[in-house]
Amino acid sequence: TAGCDDYHAKPVHFSKLVEQMEALLENVPEA
């Protein structure tokens, strides 16, 4: 799919985004 191709085209940016998302989730207390 086009979406998967976009991710593979920018593996570094995607990996960094994932790391940021995980960091935010860890800092946010569960509701």
C-alpha atoms as a PDB file:
ATOM      1  CA  THR A   1       0.000   0.000   0.000  1.00  0.00           C
ATOM      2  CA  ALA A   2       1.054   3.616  -0.416  1.00  0.00           C
ATOM      3  CA  GLY A   3       1.054   4.088   3.364  1.00  0.00           C
ATOM      4  CA  CYS A   4       3.581   1.289   3.898  1.00  0.00           C
ATOM      5  CA  ASP A   5       5.758   2.631   1.072  1.00  0.00           C
ATOM      6  CA  ASP A   6       5.794   6.058   2.731  1.00  0.00           C
ATOM      7  CA  TYR A   7       7.000   4.541   6.013  1.00  0.00           C
ATOM      8  CA  HIS A   8       9.738   2.501   4.320  1.00  0.00           C
ATOM      9  CA  ALA A   9      10.848   5.607   2.442  1.00  0.00           C
ATOM     10  CA  LYS A  10      11.515   7.373   5.766  1.00  0.00           C
ATOM     11  CA  PRO A  11      12.564   4.677   8.263  1.00  0.00           C
ATOM     12  CA  VAL A  12      14.647   7.046  10.386  1.00  0.00           C
ATOM     13  CA  HIS A  13      11.912   9.674  10.762  1.00  0.00           C
ATOM     14  CA  PHE A  14       9.347   6.967  11.506  1.00  0.00           C
ATOM     15  CA  SER A  15      11.520   5.288  14.144  1.00  0.00           C
ATOM     16  CA  LYS A  16      12.141   8.628  15.858  1.00  0.00           C
ATOM     17  CA  LEU A  17       8.410   9.365  15.795  1.00  0.00           C
ATOM     18  CA  VAL A  18       7.694   6.009  17.430  1.00  0.00           C
ATOM     19  CA  GLU A  19      10.265   6.710  20.143  1.00  0.00           C
ATOM     20  CA  GLN A  20       8.672  10.099  20.860  1.00  0.00           C
ATOM     21  CA  MET A  21       5.196   8.547  20.996  1.00  0.00           C
ATOM     22  CA  GLU A  22       6.368   5.866  23.450  1.00  0.00           C
ATOM     23  CA  ALA A  23       8.084   8.493  25.609  1.00  0.00           C
ATOM     24  CA  LEU A  24       4.908  10.590  25.744  1.00  0.00           C
ATOM     25  CA  LEU A  25       2.787   7.554  26.622  1.00  0.00           C
ATOM     26  CA  GLU A  26       5.153   6.701  29.475  1.00  0.00           C
ATOM     27  CA  ASN A  27       4.913  10.231  30.901  1.00  0.00           C
ATOM     28  CA  VAL A  28       1.111  10.410  30.618  1.00  0.00           C
ATOM     29  CA  PRO A  29      -0.731   8.910  33.632  1.00  0.00           C
ATOM     30  CA  GLU A  30      -3.460   6.411  32.778  1.00  0.00           C
ATOM     31  CA  ALA A  31      -6.946   7.934  32.985  1.00  0.00           C
END
